[in-house]
Amino acid sequence: NIRKSNKLTQKQLAKEIGIAECVYQRYERDV
């Protein structure tokens, strides 16, 4: 919800904080 309210894609946010997109996706999938 925070990411979407800031109009960011998972890829954009992952890049901004210095992690791989697939790692970020695991956070949102609660893996």
PDB file of all heavy atoms in Angstrom:
ATOM      1  N   ASN A   1       0.821  -1.214   0.000  1.00  0.00           N
ATOM      2  CA  ASN A   1       0.000   0.000   0.000  1.00  0.00           C
ATOM      3  C   ASN A   1       0.854   1.263   0.000  1.00  0.00           C
ATOM      4  O   ASN A   1       0.538   2.231  -0.711  1.00  0.00           O
ATOM      5  CB  ASN A   1      -0.948   0.009   1.196  1.00  0.00           C
ATOM      6  CG  ASN A   1      -2.048  -1.004   1.070  1.00  0.00           C
ATOM      7  OD1 ASN A   1      -2.376  -1.466  -0.017  1.00  0.00           O
ATOM      8  ND2 ASN A   1      -2.625  -1.388   2.200  1.00  0.00           N
ATOM      9  N   ILE A   2       1.918   1.256   0.769  1.00  0.00           N
ATOM     10  CA  ILE A   2       2.818   2.419   0.804  1.00  0.00           C
ATOM     11  C   ILE A   2       3.441   2.625  -0.574  1.00  0.00           C
ATOM     12  O   ILE A   2       3.481   3.741  -1.089  1.00  0.00           O
ATOM     13  CB  ILE A   2       3.911   2.250   1.879  1.00  0.00           C
ATOM     14  CG1 ILE A   2       3.305   2.272   3.277  1.00  0.00           C
ATOM     15  CG2 ILE A   2       4.975   3.345   1.740  1.00  0.00           C
ATOM     16  CD1 ILE A   2       4.275   1.882   4.383  1.00  0.00           C
ATOM     17  N   ARG A   3       3.932   1.545  -1.169  1.00  0.00           N
ATOM     18  CA  ARG A   3       4.557   1.645  -2.497  1.00  0.00           C
ATOM     19  C   ARG A   3       3.571   2.174  -3.524  1.00  0.00           C
ATOM     20  O   ARG A   3       3.873   3.116  -4.267  1.00  0.00           O
ATOM     21  CB  ARG A   3       5.083   0.282  -2.940  1.00  0.00           C
ATOM     22  CG  ARG A   3       5.657   0.296  -4.352  1.00  0.00           C
ATOM     23  CD  ARG A   3       6.110  -1.060  -4.818  1.00  0.00           C
ATOM     24  NE  ARG A   3       5.098  -2.084  -4.826  1.00  0.00           N
ATOM     25  CZ  ARG A   3       4.160  -2.226  -5.778  1.00  0.00           C
ATOM     26  NH1 ARG A   3       4.086  -1.387  -6.787  1.00  0.00           N
ATOM     27  NH2 ARG A   3       3.282  -3.218  -5.714  1.00  0.00           N
ATOM     28  N   LYS A   4       2.372   1.612  -3.542  1.00  0.00           N
ATOM     29  CA  LYS A   4       1.376   2.028  -4.528  1.00  0.00           C
ATOM     30  C   LYS A   4       0.924   3.470  -4.304  1.00  0.00           C
ATOM     31  O   LYS A   4       0.694   4.204  -5.264  1.00  0.00           O
ATOM     32  CB  LYS A   4       0.180   1.089  -4.511  1.00  0.00           C
ATOM     33  CG  LYS A   4       0.477  -0.240  -5.172  1.00  0.00           C
ATOM     34  CD  LYS A   4      -0.771  -1.075  -5.291  1.00  0.00           C
ATOM     35  CE  LYS A   4      -0.521  -2.248  -6.210  1.00  0.00           C
ATOM     36  NZ  LYS A   4      -1.774  -2.875  -6.606  1.00  0.00           N
ATOM     37  N   SER A   5       0.805   3.887  -3.057  1.00  0.00           N
ATOM     38  CA  SER A   5       0.389   5.265  -2.777  1.00  0.00           C
ATOM     39  C   SER A   5       1.449   6.269  -3.223  1.00  0.00           C
ATOM     40  O   SER A   5       1.146   7.442  -3.438  1.00  0.00           O
ATOM     41  CB  SER A   5       0.052   5.447  -1.304  1.00  0.00           C
ATOM     42  OG  SER A   5       1.206   5.415  -0.504  1.00  0.00           O
ATOM     43  N   ASN A   6       2.683   5.795  -3.377  1.00  0.00           N
ATOM     44  CA  ASN A   6       3.770   6.639  -3.887  1.00  0.00           C
ATOM     45  C   ASN A   6       3.989   6.435  -5.378  1.00  0.00           C
ATOM     46  O   ASN A   6       4.983   6.916  -5.930  1.00  0.00           O
ATOM     47  CB  ASN A   6       5.053   6.358  -3.111  1.00  0.00           C
ATOM     48  CG  ASN A   6       5.044   7.019  -1.759  1.00  0.00           C
ATOM     49  OD1 ASN A   6       5.437   8.160  -1.624  1.00  0.00           O
ATOM     50  ND2 ASN A   6       4.565   6.312  -0.746  1.00  0.00           N
ATOM     51  N   LYS A   7       3.065   5.702  -6.013  1.00  0.00           N
ATOM     52  CA  LYS A   7       3.069   5.490  -7.463  1.00  0.00           C
ATOM     53  C   LYS A   7       4.387   4.920  -7.982  1.00  0.00           C
ATOM     54  O   LYS A   7       4.950   5.394  -8.966  1.00  0.00           O
ATOM     55  CB  LYS A   7       2.697   6.774  -8.198  1.00  0.00           C
ATOM     56  CG  LYS A   7       1.300   7.268  -7.878  1.00  0.00           C
ATOM     57  CD  LYS A   7       0.991   8.549  -8.594  1.00  0.00           C
ATOM     58  CE  LYS A   7      -0.426   9.011  -8.421  1.00  0.00           C
ATOM     59  NZ  LYS A   7      -0.876   9.316  -7.119  1.00  0.00           N
ATOM     60  N   LEU A   8       4.874   3.889  -7.283  1.00  0.00           N
ATOM     61  CA  LEU A   8       6.116   3.225  -7.668  1.00  0.00           C
ATOM     62  C   LEU A   8       5.834   1.787  -8.073  1.00  0.00           C
ATOM     63  O   LEU A   8       4.948   1.144  -7.508  1.00  0.00           O
ATOM     64  CB  LEU A   8       7.092   3.200  -6.488  1.00  0.00           C
ATOM     65  CG  LEU A   8       7.664   4.524  -6.022  1.00  0.00           C
ATOM     66  CD1 LEU A   8       8.328   4.348  -4.672  1.00  0.00           C
ATOM     67  CD2 LEU A   8       8.647   5.060  -7.030  1.00  0.00           C
ATOM     68  N   THR A   9       6.608   1.288  -9.017  1.00  0.00           N
ATOM     69  CA  THR A   9       6.561  -0.136  -9.328  1.00  0.00           C
ATOM     70  C   THR A   9       7.497  -0.853  -8.361  1.00  0.00           C
ATOM     71  O   THR A   9       8.361  -0.230  -7.721  1.00  0.00           O
ATOM     72  CB  THR A   9       7.017  -0.417 -10.774  1.00  0.00           C
ATOM     73  OG1 THR A   9       8.405  -0.068 -10.886  1.00  0.00           O
ATOM     74  CG2 THR A   9       6.179   0.347 -11.793  1.00  0.00           C
ATOM     75  N   GLN A  10       7.347  -2.161  -8.291  1.00  0.00           N
ATOM     76  CA  GLN A  10       8.267  -2.941  -7.466  1.00  0.00           C
ATOM     77  C   GLN A  10       9.695  -2.769  -7.957  1.00  0.00           C
ATOM     78  O   GLN A  10      10.623  -2.632  -7.149  1.00  0.00           O
ATOM     79  CB  GLN A  10       7.874  -4.421  -7.494  1.00  0.00           C
ATOM     80  CG  GLN A  10       6.574  -4.712  -6.796  1.00  0.00           C
ATOM     81  CD  GLN A  10       6.174  -6.164  -6.905  1.00  0.00           C
ATOM     82  OE1 GLN A  10       6.581  -6.879  -7.812  1.00  0.00           O
ATOM     83  NE2 GLN A  10       5.349  -6.611  -5.973  1.00  0.00           N
ATOM     84  N   LYS A  11       9.866  -2.757  -9.256  1.00  0.00           N
ATOM     85  CA  LYS A  11      11.202  -2.608  -9.852  1.00  0.00           C
ATOM     86  C   LYS A  11      11.827  -1.265  -9.480  1.00  0.00           C
ATOM     87  O   LYS A  11      13.008  -1.199  -9.115  1.00  0.00           O
ATOM     88  CB  LYS A  11      11.098  -2.743 -11.369  1.00  0.00           C
ATOM     89  CG  LYS A  11      12.418  -2.724 -12.077  1.00  0.00           C
ATOM     90  CD  LYS A  11      12.229  -2.978 -13.565  1.00  0.00           C
ATOM     91  CE  LYS A  11      13.572  -3.153 -14.252  1.00  0.00           C
ATOM     92  NZ  LYS A  11      13.410  -3.618 -15.628  1.00  0.00           N
ATOM     93  N   GLN A  12      11.040  -0.199  -9.562  1.00  0.00           N
ATOM     94  CA  GLN A  12      11.553   1.136  -9.226  1.00  0.00           C
ATOM     95  C   GLN A  12      11.992   1.203  -7.766  1.00  0.00           C
ATOM     96  O   GLN A  12      13.071   1.715  -7.462  1.00  0.00           O
ATOM     97  CB  GLN A  12      10.479   2.201  -9.486  1.00  0.00           C
ATOM     98  CG  GLN A  12      10.188   2.455 -10.933  1.00  0.00           C
ATOM     99  CD  GLN A  12       8.944   3.319 -11.113  1.00  0.00           C
ATOM    100  OE1 GLN A  12       7.966   3.200 -10.373  1.00  0.00           O
ATOM    101  NE2 GLN A  12       8.991   4.193 -12.109  1.00  0.00           N
ATOM    102  N   LEU A  13      11.141   0.707  -6.884  1.00  0.00           N
ATOM    103  CA  LEU A  13      11.463   0.782  -5.456  1.00  0.00           C
ATOM    104  C   LEU A  13      12.675  -0.072  -5.112  1.00  0.00           C
ATOM    105  O   LEU A  13      13.557   0.369  -4.374  1.00  0.00           O
ATOM    106  CB  LEU A  13      10.256   0.373  -4.608  1.00  0.00           C
ATOM    107  CG  LEU A  13      10.453   0.458  -3.096  1.00  0.00           C
ATOM    108  CD1 LEU A  13      10.968   1.835  -2.667  1.00  0.00           C
ATOM    109  CD2 LEU A  13       9.164   0.110  -2.381  1.00  0.00           C
ATOM    110  N   ALA A  14      12.726  -1.262  -5.670  1.00  0.00           N
ATOM    111  CA  ALA A  14      13.878  -2.133  -5.414  1.00  0.00           C
ATOM    112  C   ALA A  14      15.172  -1.441  -5.829  1.00  0.00           C
ATOM    113  O   ALA A  14      16.160  -1.461  -5.088  1.00  0.00           O
ATOM    114  CB  ALA A  14      13.707  -3.455  -6.152  1.00  0.00           C
ATOM    115  N   LYS A  15      15.155  -0.823  -6.988  1.00  0.00           N
ATOM    116  CA  LYS A  15      16.344  -0.115  -7.480  1.00  0.00           C
ATOM    117  C   LYS A  15      16.716   1.037  -6.544  1.00  0.00           C
ATOM    118  O   LYS A  15      17.896   1.234  -6.232  1.00  0.00           O
ATOM    119  CB  LYS A  15      16.106   0.399  -8.891  1.00  0.00           C
ATOM    120  CG  LYS A  15      17.305   1.075  -9.494  1.00  0.00           C
ATOM    121  CD  LYS A  15      17.050   1.519 -10.920  1.00  0.00           C
ATOM    122  CE  LYS A  15      18.289   2.208 -11.473  1.00  0.00           C
ATOM    123  NZ  LYS A  15      18.097   2.666 -12.841  1.00  0.00           N
ATOM    124  N   GLU A  16      15.721   1.777  -6.103  1.00  0.00           N
ATOM    125  CA  GLU A  16      15.965   2.935  -5.224  1.00  0.00           C
ATOM    126  C   GLU A  16      16.620   2.538  -3.904  1.00  0.00           C
ATOM    127  O   GLU A  16      17.425   3.291  -3.368  1.00  0.00           O
ATOM    128  CB  GLU A  16      14.664   3.686  -4.948  1.00  0.00           C
ATOM    129  CG  GLU A  16      14.142   4.464  -6.127  1.00  0.00           C
ATOM    130  CD  GLU A  16      15.020   5.641  -6.521  1.00  0.00           C
ATOM    131  OE1 GLU A  16      15.666   6.252  -5.640  1.00  0.00           O
ATOM    132  OE2 GLU A  16      15.070   5.943  -7.721  1.00  0.00           O
ATOM    133  N   ILE A  17      16.259   1.359  -3.379  1.00  0.00           N
ATOM    134  CA  ILE A  17      16.825   0.968  -2.085  1.00  0.00           C
ATOM    135  C   ILE A  17      17.974  -0.026  -2.222  1.00  0.00           C
ATOM    136  O   ILE A  17      18.517  -0.493  -1.223  1.00  0.00           O
ATOM    137  CB  ILE A  17      15.739   0.425  -1.119  1.00  0.00           C
ATOM    138  CG1 ILE A  17      15.086  -0.842  -1.648  1.00  0.00           C
ATOM    139  CG2 ILE A  17      14.710   1.509  -0.815  1.00  0.00           C
ATOM    140  CD1 ILE A  17      14.224  -1.548  -0.625  1.00  0.00           C
ATOM    141  N   GLY A  18      18.335  -0.353  -3.465  1.00  0.00           N
ATOM    142  CA  GLY A  18      19.533  -1.150  -3.700  1.00  0.00           C
ATOM    143  C   GLY A  18      19.391  -2.645  -3.521  1.00  0.00           C
ATOM    144  O   GLY A  18      20.340  -3.305  -3.069  1.00  0.00           O
ATOM    145  N   ILE A  19      18.206  -3.188  -3.849  1.00  0.00           N
ATOM    146  CA  ILE A  19      18.020  -4.638  -3.783  1.00  0.00           C
ATOM    147  C   ILE A  19      17.465  -5.127  -5.113  1.00  0.00           C
ATOM    148  O   ILE A  19      16.976  -4.341  -5.916  1.00  0.00           O
ATOM    149  CB  ILE A  19      17.078  -5.059  -2.619  1.00  0.00           C
ATOM    150  CG1 ILE A  19      15.677  -4.481  -2.807  1.00  0.00           C
ATOM    151  CG2 ILE A  19      17.675  -4.670  -1.270  1.00  0.00           C
ATOM    152  CD1 ILE A  19      14.659  -4.994  -1.809  1.00  0.00           C
ATOM    153  N   ALA A  20      17.514  -6.426  -5.311  1.00  0.00           N
ATOM    154  CA  ALA A  20      16.976  -7.020  -6.535  1.00  0.00           C
ATOM    155  C   ALA A  20      15.446  -6.995  -6.493  1.00  0.00           C
ATOM    156  O   ALA A  20      14.838  -7.141  -5.419  1.00  0.00           O
ATOM    157  CB  ALA A  20      17.468  -8.452  -6.687  1.00  0.00           C
ATOM    158  N   GLU A  21      14.844  -6.829  -7.661  1.00  0.00           N
ATOM    159  CA  GLU A  21      13.383  -6.804  -7.744  1.00  0.00           C
ATOM    160  C   GLU A  21      12.766  -8.090  -7.183  1.00  0.00           C
ATOM    161  O   GLU A  21      11.765  -8.037  -6.465  1.00  0.00           O
ATOM    162  CB  GLU A  21      12.948  -6.603  -9.192  1.00  0.00           C
ATOM    163  CG  GLU A  21      11.451  -6.552  -9.377  1.00  0.00           C
ATOM    164  CD  GLU A  21      11.038  -6.399 -10.830  1.00  0.00           C
ATOM    165  OE1 GLU A  21      11.902  -6.403 -11.719  1.00  0.00           O
ATOM    166  OE2 GLU A  21       9.820  -6.293 -11.060  1.00  0.00           O
ATOM    167  N   CYS A  22      13.371  -9.248  -7.488  1.00  0.00           N
ATOM    168  CA  CYS A  22      12.816 -10.518  -7.008  1.00  0.00           C
ATOM    169  C   CYS A  22      12.845 -10.604  -5.481  1.00  0.00           C
ATOM    170  O   CYS A  22      11.953 -11.202  -4.875  1.00  0.00           O
ATOM    171  CB  CYS A  22      13.514 -11.708  -7.649  1.00  0.00           C
ATOM    172  SG  CYS A  22      15.266 -11.840  -7.245  1.00  0.00           S
ATOM    173  N   VAL A  23      13.828  -9.982  -4.867  1.00  0.00           N
ATOM    174  CA  VAL A  23      13.898  -9.955  -3.399  1.00  0.00           C
ATOM    175  C   VAL A  23      12.759  -9.105  -2.859  1.00  0.00           C
ATOM    176  O   VAL A  23      12.042  -9.505  -1.933  1.00  0.00           O
ATOM    177  CB  VAL A  23      15.262  -9.429  -2.909  1.00  0.00           C
ATOM    178  CG1 VAL A  23      15.266  -9.226  -1.402  1.00  0.00           C
ATOM    179  CG2 VAL A  23      16.383 -10.356  -3.336  1.00  0.00           C
ATOM    180  N   TYR A  24      12.553  -7.933  -3.454  1.00  0.00           N
ATOM    181  CA  TYR A  24      11.462  -7.056  -3.016  1.00  0.00           C
ATOM    182  C   TYR A  24      10.114  -7.755  -3.179  1.00  0.00           C
ATOM    183  O   TYR A  24       9.251  -7.673  -2.300  1.00  0.00           O
ATOM    184  CB  TYR A  24      11.475  -5.721  -3.769  1.00  0.00           C
ATOM    185  CG  TYR A  24      10.349  -4.852  -3.303  1.00  0.00           C
ATOM    186  CD1 TYR A  24      10.470  -4.112  -2.138  1.00  0.00           C
ATOM    187  CD2 TYR A  24       9.119  -4.843  -3.956  1.00  0.00           C
ATOM    188  CE1 TYR A  24       9.413  -3.371  -1.648  1.00  0.00           C
ATOM    189  CE2 TYR A  24       8.056  -4.119  -3.475  1.00  0.00           C
ATOM    190  CZ  TYR A  24       8.207  -3.375  -2.325  1.00  0.00           C
ATOM    191  OH  TYR A  24       7.153  -2.667  -1.823  1.00  0.00           O
ATOM    192  N   GLN A  25       9.924  -8.450  -4.285  1.00  0.00           N
ATOM    193  CA  GLN A  25       8.654  -9.139  -4.531  1.00  0.00           C
ATOM    194  C   GLN A  25       8.348 -10.147  -3.424  1.00  0.00           C
ATOM    195  O   GLN A  25       7.193 -10.328  -3.046  1.00  0.00           O
ATOM    196  CB  GLN A  25       8.693  -9.845  -5.889  1.00  0.00           C
ATOM    197  CG  GLN A  25       8.661  -8.882  -7.047  1.00  0.00           C
ATOM    198  CD  GLN A  25       8.949  -9.551  -8.381  1.00  0.00           C
ATOM    199  OE1 GLN A  25       9.498 -10.649  -8.439  1.00  0.00           O
ATOM    200  NE2 GLN A  25       8.596  -8.873  -9.463  1.00  0.00           N
ATOM    201  N   ARG A  26       9.378 -10.772  -2.891  1.00  0.00           N
ATOM    202  CA  ARG A  26       9.173 -11.727  -1.787  1.00  0.00           C
ATOM    203  C   ARG A  26       8.618 -11.046  -0.546  1.00  0.00           C
ATOM    204  O   ARG A  26       7.863 -11.648   0.215  1.00  0.00           O
ATOM    205  CB  ARG A  26      10.480 -12.445  -1.465  1.00  0.00           C
ATOM    206  CG  ARG A  26      10.912 -13.389  -2.550  1.00  0.00           C
ATOM    207  CD  ARG A  26      12.189 -14.121  -2.169  1.00  0.00           C
ATOM    208  NE  ARG A  26      12.751 -14.772  -3.336  1.00  0.00           N
ATOM    209  CZ  ARG A  26      14.001 -14.648  -3.739  1.00  0.00           C
ATOM    210  NH1 ARG A  26      14.864 -13.923  -3.048  1.00  0.00           N
ATOM    211  NH2 ARG A  26      14.413 -15.266  -4.817  1.00  0.00           N
ATOM    212  N   TYR A  27       8.998  -9.796  -0.320  1.00  0.00           N
ATOM    213  CA  TYR A  27       8.467  -9.060   0.826  1.00  0.00           C
ATOM    214  C   TYR A  27       6.964  -8.856   0.664  1.00  0.00           C
ATOM    215  O   TYR A  27       6.203  -9.042   1.614  1.00  0.00           O
ATOM    216  CB  TYR A  27       9.144  -7.695   0.990  1.00  0.00           C
ATOM    217  CG  TYR A  27      10.633  -7.724   1.158  1.00  0.00           C
ATOM    218  CD1 TYR A  27      11.399  -6.638   0.762  1.00  0.00           C
ATOM    219  CD2 TYR A  27      11.296  -8.816   1.691  1.00  0.00           C
ATOM    220  CE1 TYR A  27      12.777  -6.631   0.911  1.00  0.00           C
ATOM    221  CE2 TYR A  27      12.681  -8.825   1.841  1.00  0.00           C
ATOM    222  CZ  TYR A  27      13.405  -7.726   1.443  1.00  0.00           C
ATOM    223  OH  TYR A  27      14.764  -7.718   1.577  1.00  0.00           O
ATOM    224  N   GLU A  28       6.533  -8.450  -0.519  1.00  0.00           N
ATOM    225  CA  GLU A  28       5.112  -8.190  -0.746  1.00  0.00           C
ATOM    226  C   GLU A  28       4.291  -9.477  -0.807  1.00  0.00           C
ATOM    227  O   GLU A  28       3.089  -9.441  -0.558  1.00  0.00           O
ATOM    228  CB  GLU A  28       4.906  -7.367  -2.018  1.00  0.00           C
ATOM    229  CG  GLU A  28       5.293  -5.920  -1.845  1.00  0.00           C
ATOM    230  CD  GLU A  28       4.789  -5.010  -2.944  1.00  0.00           C
ATOM    231  OE1 GLU A  28       4.009  -5.451  -3.822  1.00  0.00           O
ATOM    232  OE2 GLU A  28       5.180  -3.828  -2.938  1.00  0.00           O
ATOM    233  N   ARG A  29       4.910 -10.579  -1.133  1.00  0.00           N
ATOM    234  CA  ARG A  29       4.206 -11.866  -1.151  1.00  0.00           C
ATOM    235  C   ARG A  29       4.271 -12.555   0.214  1.00  0.00           C
ATOM    236  O   ARG A  29       3.722 -13.637   0.385  1.00  0.00           O
ATOM    237  CB  ARG A  29       4.787 -12.793  -2.222  1.00  0.00           C
ATOM    238  CG  ARG A  29       4.471 -12.352  -3.631  1.00  0.00           C
ATOM    239  CD  ARG A  29       4.758 -13.428  -4.672  1.00  0.00           C
ATOM    240  NE  ARG A  29       5.937 -14.227  -4.397  1.00  0.00           N
ATOM    241  CZ  ARG A  29       7.101 -14.130  -5.039  1.00  0.00           C
ATOM    242  NH1 ARG A  29       7.246 -13.262  -6.018  1.00  0.00           N
ATOM    243  NH2 ARG A  29       8.114 -14.920  -4.724  1.00  0.00           N
ATOM    244  N   ASP A  30       4.922 -11.932   1.165  1.00  0.00           N
ATOM    245  CA  ASP A  30       5.075 -12.451   2.525  1.00  0.00           C
ATOM    246  C   ASP A  30       5.821 -13.784   2.557  1.00  0.00           C
ATOM    247  O   ASP A  30       5.550 -14.647   3.382  1.00  0.00           O
ATOM    248  CB  ASP A  30       3.710 -12.583   3.217  1.00  0.00           C
ATOM    249  CG  ASP A  30       3.827 -12.586   4.733  1.00  0.00           C
ATOM    250  OD1 ASP A  30       4.815 -12.037   5.263  1.00  0.00           O
ATOM    251  OD2 ASP A  30       2.936 -13.148   5.383  1.00  0.00           O
ATOM    252  N   VAL A  31       6.783 -13.921   1.631  1.00  0.00           N
ATOM    253  CA  VAL A  31       7.623 -15.113   1.585  1.00  0.00           C
ATOM    254  C   VAL A  31       8.785 -14.965   2.557  1.00  0.00           C
ATOM    255  O   VAL A  31       9.220 -15.931   3.174  1.00  0.00           O
ATOM    256  CB  VAL A  31       8.134 -15.370   0.147  1.00  0.00           C
ATOM    257  CG1 VAL A  31       9.146 -16.489   0.105  1.00  0.00           C
ATOM    258  CG2 VAL A  31       6.967 -15.636  -0.786  1.00  0.00           C
TER     259      VAL A  31
END
